[in-house]
């Protein structure tokens, strides 16, 4: 399953990490940010602005899905 969220700074994606079986990777615009044990953990870091992507993490007043259920599913 692939999840997408379009933000002011780019499109985040959460998808299976092909380099680590059972893990999920968080990317923005195709750029890898981190790998997670669950897709929900990756979505939580986006919600908390704790992704390691400065342009996103510095924003304070942006509309963000509060959980993975609000992401677009592909």
PDB file of N, CA and C in Angstrom:
ATOM      1  N   UNK A   1       0.835  -1.182   0.000  1.00  0.00           N
ATOM      2  CA  UNK A   1       0.000   0.000   0.000  1.00  0.00           C
ATOM      3  C   UNK A   1       0.879   1.245   0.000  1.00  0.00           C
ATOM      4  N   UNK A   2       0.441   2.227  -0.732  1.00  0.00           N
ATOM      5  CA  UNK A   2       1.147   3.498  -0.809  1.00  0.00           C
ATOM      6  C   UNK A   2       0.221   4.591  -0.304  1.00  0.00           C
ATOM      7  N   UNK A   3       0.729   5.447   0.554  1.00  0.00           N
ATOM      8  CA  UNK A   3      -0.036   6.553   1.108  1.00  0.00           C
ATOM      9  C   UNK A   3       0.608   7.862   0.675  1.00  0.00           C
ATOM     10  N   UNK A   4      -0.235   8.866   0.391  1.00  0.00           N
ATOM     11  CA  UNK A   4       0.260  10.164  -0.064  1.00  0.00           C
ATOM     12  C   UNK A   4      -0.429  11.295   0.683  1.00  0.00           C
ATOM     13  N   UNK A   5       0.336  12.367   0.913  1.00  0.00           N
ATOM     14  CA  UNK A   5      -0.193  13.594   1.498  1.00  0.00           C
ATOM     15  C   UNK A   5       0.484  14.765   0.789  1.00  0.00           C
ATOM     16  N   UNK A   6      -0.317  15.615   0.149  1.00  0.00           N
ATOM     17  CA  UNK A   6       0.214  16.792  -0.542  1.00  0.00           C
ATOM     18  C   UNK A   6       0.249  17.954   0.433  1.00  0.00           C
ATOM     19  N   UNK A   7       1.456  18.483   0.662  1.00  0.00           N
ATOM     20  CA  UNK A   7       1.641  19.585   1.597  1.00  0.00           C
ATOM     21  C   UNK A   7       2.151  20.818   0.857  1.00  0.00           C
ATOM     22  N   UNK A   8       2.330  21.905   1.597  1.00  0.00           N
ATOM     23  CA  UNK A   8       2.866  23.147   1.031  1.00  0.00           C
ATOM     24  C   UNK A   8       4.300  22.967   0.540  1.00  0.00           C
ATOM     25  N   UNK A   9       5.031  22.035   1.147  1.00  0.00           N
ATOM     26  CA  UNK A   9       6.445  21.872   0.818  1.00  0.00           C
ATOM     27  C   UNK A   9       6.727  20.710  -0.134  1.00  0.00           C
ATOM     28  N   UNK A  10       5.696  19.969  -0.493  1.00  0.00           N
ATOM     29  CA  UNK A  10       5.876  18.836  -1.395  1.00  0.00           C
ATOM     30  C   UNK A  10       4.953  17.685  -1.039  1.00  0.00           C
ATOM     31  N   UNK A  11       5.047  16.614  -1.771  1.00  0.00           N
ATOM     32  CA  UNK A  11       4.194  15.457  -1.543  1.00  0.00           C
ATOM     33  C   UNK A  11       4.946  14.402  -0.737  1.00  0.00           C
ATOM     34  N   UNK A  12       4.396  14.089   0.435  1.00  0.00           N
ATOM     35  CA  UNK A  12       4.936  13.020   1.261  1.00  0.00           C
ATOM     36  C   UNK A  12       4.365  11.700   0.782  1.00  0.00           C
ATOM     37  N   UNK A  13       5.163  10.660   0.865  1.00  0.00           N
ATOM     38  CA  UNK A  13       4.671   9.313   0.583  1.00  0.00           C
ATOM     39  C   UNK A  13       5.171   8.362   1.661  1.00  0.00           C
ATOM     40  N   UNK A  14       4.335   7.388   1.961  1.00  0.00           N
ATOM     41  CA  UNK A  14       4.697   6.293   2.858  1.00  0.00           C
ATOM     42  C   UNK A  14       4.452   5.028   2.066  1.00  0.00           C
ATOM     43  N   UNK A  15       5.478   4.217   1.955  1.00  0.00           N
ATOM     44  CA  UNK A  15       5.377   3.019   1.123  1.00  0.00           C
ATOM     45  C   UNK A  15       6.310   1.943   1.663  1.00  0.00           C
ATOM     46  N   UNK A  16       6.109   0.701   1.250  1.00  0.00           N
ATOM     47  CA  UNK A  16       7.016  -0.353   1.713  1.00  0.00           C
ATOM     48  C   UNK A  16       8.461  -0.021   1.350  1.00  0.00           C
ATOM     49  N   UNK A  17       9.358  -0.305   2.273  1.00  0.00           N
ATOM     50  CA  UNK A  17      10.790  -0.068   2.052  1.00  0.00           C
ATOM     51  C   UNK A  17      11.383  -1.325   1.433  1.00  0.00           C
ATOM     52  N   UNK A  18      11.738  -1.250   0.169  1.00  0.00           N
ATOM     53  CA  UNK A  18      12.237  -2.429  -0.545  1.00  0.00           C
ATOM     54  C   UNK A  18      13.608  -2.894  -0.050  1.00  0.00           C
ATOM     55  N   UNK A  19      14.288  -2.069   0.742  1.00  0.00           N
ATOM     56  CA  UNK A  19      15.605  -2.467   1.251  1.00  0.00           C
ATOM     57  C   UNK A  19      15.530  -3.139   2.626  1.00  0.00           C
ATOM     58  N   UNK A  20      14.387  -2.980   3.318  1.00  0.00           N
ATOM     59  CA  UNK A  20      14.219  -3.560   4.655  1.00  0.00           C
ATOM     60  C   UNK A  20      12.850  -4.227   4.733  1.00  0.00           C
ATOM     61  N   UNK A  21      12.834  -5.529   4.679  1.00  0.00           N
ATOM     62  CA  UNK A  21      11.589  -6.290   4.682  1.00  0.00           C
ATOM     63  C   UNK A  21      10.727  -5.952   5.895  1.00  0.00           C
ATOM     64  N   UNK A  22       9.475  -5.630   5.641  1.00  0.00           N
ATOM     65  CA  UNK A  22       8.526  -5.331   6.706  1.00  0.00           C
ATOM     66  C   UNK A  22       8.550  -3.893   7.184  1.00  0.00           C
ATOM     67  N   UNK A  23       9.448  -3.083   6.646  1.00  0.00           N
ATOM     68  CA  UNK A  23       9.553  -1.682   7.064  1.00  0.00           C
ATOM     69  C   UNK A  23       8.869  -0.788   6.040  1.00  0.00           C
ATOM     70  N   UNK A  24       8.608   0.459   6.453  1.00  0.00           N
ATOM     71  CA  UNK A  24       8.012   1.463   5.586  1.00  0.00           C
ATOM     72  C   UNK A  24       8.941   2.652   5.502  1.00  0.00           C
ATOM     73  N   UNK A  25       9.003   3.261   4.319  1.00  0.00           N
ATOM     74  CA  UNK A  25       9.849   4.444   4.174  1.00  0.00           C
ATOM     75  C   UNK A  25       8.982   5.682   3.992  1.00  0.00           C
ATOM     76  N   UNK A  26       9.467   6.765   4.568  1.00  0.00           N
ATOM     77  CA  UNK A  26       8.832   8.074   4.422  1.00  0.00           C
ATOM     78  C   UNK A  26       9.676   8.876   3.454  1.00  0.00           C
ATOM     79  N   UNK A  27       9.027   9.411   2.426  1.00  0.00           N
ATOM     80  CA  UNK A  27       9.729  10.206   1.413  1.00  0.00           C
ATOM     81  C   UNK A  27       8.976  11.515   1.194  1.00  0.00           C
ATOM     82  N   UNK A  28       9.684  12.498   0.662  1.00  0.00           N
ATOM     83  CA  UNK A  28       9.042  13.715   0.174  1.00  0.00           C
ATOM     84  C   UNK A  28       9.599  13.975  -1.222  1.00  0.00           C
ATOM     85  N   UNK A  29       8.706  14.063  -2.173  1.00  0.00           N
ATOM     86  CA  UNK A  29       9.123  14.258  -3.557  1.00  0.00           C
ATOM     87  C   UNK A  29      10.061  13.171  -4.051  1.00  0.00           C
ATOM     88  N   UNK A  30       9.910  11.954  -3.540  1.00  0.00           N
ATOM     89  CA  UNK A  30      10.770  10.851  -3.935  1.00  0.00           C
ATOM     90  C   UNK A  30      12.080  10.777  -3.168  1.00  0.00           C
ATOM     91  N   UNK A  31      12.343  11.748  -2.300  1.00  0.00           N
ATOM     92  CA  UNK A  31      13.572  11.781  -1.503  1.00  0.00           C
ATOM     93  C   UNK A  31      13.334  11.053  -0.183  1.00  0.00           C
ATOM     94  N   UNK A  32      14.116  10.009   0.084  1.00  0.00           N
ATOM     95  CA  UNK A  32      13.968   9.216   1.298  1.00  0.00           C
ATOM     96  C   UNK A  32      14.315  10.036   2.532  1.00  0.00           C
ATOM     97  N   UNK A  33      13.433   9.989   3.544  1.00  0.00           N
ATOM     98  CA  UNK A  33      13.692  10.681   4.800  1.00  0.00           C
ATOM     99  C   UNK A  33      14.070   9.720   5.920  1.00  0.00           C
ATOM    100  N   UNK A  34      13.297   8.620   6.053  1.00  0.00           N
ATOM    101  CA  UNK A  34      13.566   7.670   7.134  1.00  0.00           C
ATOM    102  C   UNK A  34      12.762   6.401   6.892  1.00  0.00           C
ATOM    103  N   UNK A  35      13.114   5.340   7.626  1.00  0.00           N
ATOM    104  CA  UNK A  35      12.362   4.090   7.587  1.00  0.00           C
ATOM    105  C   UNK A  35      11.722   3.851   8.945  1.00  0.00           C
ATOM    106  N   UNK A  36      10.565   3.212   8.934  1.00  0.00           N
ATOM    107  CA  UNK A  36       9.763   3.001  10.138  1.00  0.00           C
ATOM    108  C   UNK A  36       9.239   1.578  10.195  1.00  0.00           C
ATOM    109  N   UNK A  37       8.977   1.103  11.411  1.00  0.00           N
ATOM    110  CA  UNK A  37       8.399  -0.226  11.576  1.00  0.00           C
ATOM    111  C   UNK A  37       6.947  -0.277  11.121  1.00  0.00           C
ATOM    112  N   UNK A  38       6.231   0.859  11.239  1.00  0.00           N
ATOM    113  CA  UNK A  38       4.837   0.906  10.803  1.00  0.00           C
ATOM    114  C   UNK A  38       4.594   2.171   9.982  1.00  0.00           C
ATOM    115  N   UNK A  39       3.623   2.085   9.092  1.00  0.00           N
ATOM    116  CA  UNK A  39       3.229   3.257   8.316  1.00  0.00           C
ATOM    117  C   UNK A  39       2.644   4.326   9.235  1.00  0.00           C
ATOM    118  N   UNK A  40       1.963   3.898  10.289  1.00  0.00           N
ATOM    119  CA  UNK A  40       1.370   4.833  11.249  1.00  0.00           C
ATOM    120  C   UNK A  40       2.440   5.679  11.938  1.00  0.00           C
ATOM    121  N   UNK A  41       3.587   5.083  12.233  1.00  0.00           N
ATOM    122  CA  UNK A  41       4.689   5.831  12.865  1.00  0.00           C
ATOM    123  C   UNK A  41       5.214   6.917  11.937  1.00  0.00           C
ATOM    124  N   UNK A  42       5.312   6.604  10.659  1.00  0.00           N
ATOM    125  CA  UNK A  42       5.761   7.600   9.687  1.00  0.00           C
ATOM    126  C   UNK A  42       4.759   8.744   9.594  1.00  0.00           C
ATOM    127  N   UNK A  43       3.475   8.407   9.544  1.00  0.00           N
ATOM    128  CA  UNK A  43       2.432   9.441   9.474  1.00  0.00           C
ATOM    129  C   UNK A  43       2.452  10.314  10.730  1.00  0.00           C
ATOM    130  N   UNK A  44       2.723   9.709  11.879  1.00  0.00           N
ATOM    131  CA  UNK A  44       2.780  10.481  13.127  1.00  0.00           C
ATOM    132  C   UNK A  44       3.912  11.501  13.086  1.00  0.00           C
ATOM    133  N   UNK A  45       5.072  11.112  12.537  1.00  0.00           N
ATOM    134  CA  UNK A  45       6.178  12.071  12.437  1.00  0.00           C
ATOM    135  C   UNK A  45       5.835  13.237  11.513  1.00  0.00           C
ATOM    136  N   UNK A  46       5.089  12.967  10.446  1.00  0.00           N
ATOM    137  CA  UNK A  46       4.632  14.068   9.579  1.00  0.00           C
ATOM    138  C   UNK A  46       3.704  14.978  10.378  1.00  0.00           C
ATOM    139  N   UNK A  47       2.773  14.403  11.098  1.00  0.00           N
ATOM    140  CA  UNK A  47       1.832  15.184  11.915  1.00  0.00           C
ATOM    141  C   UNK A  47       2.566  16.035  12.955  1.00  0.00           C
ATOM    142  N   UNK A  48       3.598  15.471  13.556  1.00  0.00           N
ATOM    143  CA  UNK A  48       4.351  16.173  14.605  1.00  0.00           C
ATOM    144  C   UNK A  48       5.429  17.104  14.053  1.00  0.00           C
ATOM    145  N   UNK A  49       5.558  17.166  12.723  1.00  0.00           N
ATOM    146  CA  UNK A  49       6.617  17.956  12.091  1.00  0.00           C
ATOM    147  C   UNK A  49       7.982  17.522  12.606  1.00  0.00           C
ATOM    148  N   UNK A  50       8.190  16.212  12.613  1.00  0.00           N
ATOM    149  CA  UNK A  50       9.445  15.626  13.089  1.00  0.00           C
ATOM    150  C   UNK A  50       9.995  14.660  12.045  1.00  0.00           C
ATOM    151  N   UNK A  51      10.079  15.131  10.806  1.00  0.00           N
ATOM    152  CA  UNK A  51      10.465  14.274   9.689  1.00  0.00           C
ATOM    153  C   UNK A  51      11.943  14.357   9.332  1.00  0.00           C
ATOM    154  N   UNK A  52      12.614  15.409   9.778  1.00  0.00           N
ATOM    155  CA  UNK A  52      13.985  15.647   9.353  1.00  0.00           C
ATOM    156  C   UNK A  52      14.062  16.499   8.095  1.00  0.00           C
ATOM    157  N   UNK A  53      12.917  16.873   7.533  1.00  0.00           N
ATOM    158  CA  UNK A  53      12.852  17.746   6.349  1.00  0.00           C
ATOM    159  C   UNK A  53      12.590  19.161   6.856  1.00  0.00           C
ATOM    160  N   UNK A  54      13.617  19.992   6.862  1.00  0.00           N
ATOM    161  CA  UNK A  54      13.550  21.314   7.489  1.00  0.00           C
ATOM    162  C   UNK A  54      12.369  22.146   7.000  1.00  0.00           C
ATOM    163  N   UNK A  55      12.158  22.180   5.692  1.00  0.00           N
ATOM    164  CA  UNK A  55      11.083  23.010   5.141  1.00  0.00           C
ATOM    165  C   UNK A  55       9.724  22.641   5.730  1.00  0.00           C
ATOM    166  N   UNK A  56       9.527  21.382   6.050  1.00  0.00           N
ATOM    167  CA  UNK A  56       8.268  20.938   6.652  1.00  0.00           C
ATOM    168  C   UNK A  56       8.295  21.110   8.170  1.00  0.00           C
ATOM    169  N   UNK A  57       9.352  20.660   8.783  1.00  0.00           N
ATOM    170  CA  UNK A  57       9.411  20.635  10.242  1.00  0.00           C
ATOM    171  C   UNK A  57       9.325  22.023  10.866  1.00  0.00           C
ATOM    172  N   UNK A  58       9.747  23.051  10.149  1.00  0.00           N
ATOM    173  CA  UNK A  58       9.715  24.408  10.705  1.00  0.00           C
ATOM    174  C   UNK A  58       8.324  25.044  10.650  1.00  0.00           C
ATOM    175  N   UNK A  59       7.415  24.490   9.838  1.00  0.00           N
ATOM    176  CA  UNK A  59       6.069  25.048   9.721  1.00  0.00           C
ATOM    177  C   UNK A  59       5.283  24.818  11.004  1.00  0.00           C
ATOM    178  N   UNK A  60       4.499  25.809  11.387  1.00  0.00           N
ATOM    179  CA  UNK A  60       3.705  25.684  12.606  1.00  0.00           C
ATOM    180  C   UNK A  60       2.215  25.627  12.332  1.00  0.00           C
ATOM    181  N   UNK A  61       1.754  26.338  11.338  1.00  0.00           N
ATOM    182  CA  UNK A  61       0.310  26.439  11.119  1.00  0.00           C
ATOM    183  C   UNK A  61      -0.089  25.846   9.772  1.00  0.00           C
ATOM    184  N   UNK A  62       0.061  24.551   9.647  1.00  0.00           N
ATOM    185  CA  UNK A  62      -0.306  23.892   8.403  1.00  0.00           C
ATOM    186  C   UNK A  62      -1.349  22.815   8.686  1.00  0.00           C
ATOM    187  N   UNK A  63      -2.172  22.554   7.700  1.00  0.00           N
ATOM    188  CA  UNK A  63      -3.177  21.517   7.825  1.00  0.00           C
ATOM    189  C   UNK A  63      -2.507  20.170   7.576  1.00  0.00           C
ATOM    190  N   UNK A  64      -2.585  19.303   8.574  1.00  0.00           N
ATOM    191  CA  UNK A  64      -1.888  18.025   8.527  1.00  0.00           C
ATOM    192  C   UNK A  64      -2.850  16.904   8.925  1.00  0.00           C
ATOM    193  N   UNK A  65      -2.840  15.799   8.206  1.00  0.00           N
ATOM    194  CA  UNK A  65      -3.656  14.661   8.638  1.00  0.00           C
ATOM    195  C   UNK A  65      -3.197  14.188  10.019  1.00  0.00           C
ATOM    196  N   UNK A  66      -4.137  13.963  10.921  1.00  0.00           N
ATOM    197  CA  UNK A  66      -3.757  13.556  12.277  1.00  0.00           C
ATOM    198  C   UNK A  66      -3.433  12.069  12.365  1.00  0.00           C
ATOM    199  N   UNK A  67      -3.832  11.293  11.367  1.00  0.00           N
ATOM    200  CA  UNK A  67      -3.448   9.884  11.349  1.00  0.00           C
ATOM    201  C   UNK A  67      -3.449   9.361   9.913  1.00  0.00           C
ATOM    202  N   UNK A  68      -2.987   8.160   9.744  1.00  0.00           N
ATOM    203  CA  UNK A  68      -2.815   7.568   8.423  1.00  0.00           C
ATOM    204  C   UNK A  68      -4.137   7.437   7.672  1.00  0.00           C
ATOM    205  N   UNK A  69      -5.230   7.315   8.386  1.00  0.00           N
ATOM    206  CA  UNK A  69      -6.547   7.191   7.766  1.00  0.00           C
ATOM    207  C   UNK A  69      -6.945   8.398   6.939  1.00  0.00           C
ATOM    208  N   UNK A  70      -6.290   9.522   7.149  1.00  0.00           N
ATOM    209  CA  UNK A  70      -6.600  10.743   6.410  1.00  0.00           C
ATOM    210  C   UNK A  70      -5.665  10.963   5.210  1.00  0.00           C
ATOM    211  N   UNK A  71      -4.733  10.053   5.001  1.00  0.00           N
ATOM    212  CA  UNK A  71      -3.835  10.135   3.859  1.00  0.00           C
ATOM    213  C   UNK A  71      -4.532   9.546   2.642  1.00  0.00           C
ATOM    214  N   UNK A  72      -4.111   9.962   1.450  1.00  0.00           N
ATOM    215  CA  UNK A  72      -4.639   9.390   0.216  1.00  0.00           C
ATOM    216  C   UNK A  72      -3.993   8.030  -0.006  1.00  0.00           C
ATOM    217  N   UNK A  73      -4.814   7.047  -0.304  1.00  0.00           N
ATOM    218  CA  UNK A  73      -4.338   5.678  -0.496  1.00  0.00           C
ATOM    219  C   UNK A  73      -4.280   5.348  -1.973  1.00  0.00           C
ATOM    220  N   UNK A  74      -3.187   4.740  -2.382  1.00  0.00           N
ATOM    221  CA  UNK A  74      -3.043   4.337  -3.785  1.00  0.00           C
ATOM    222  C   UNK A  74      -2.833   2.844  -3.848  1.00  0.00           C
TER     223      UNK A  74
END
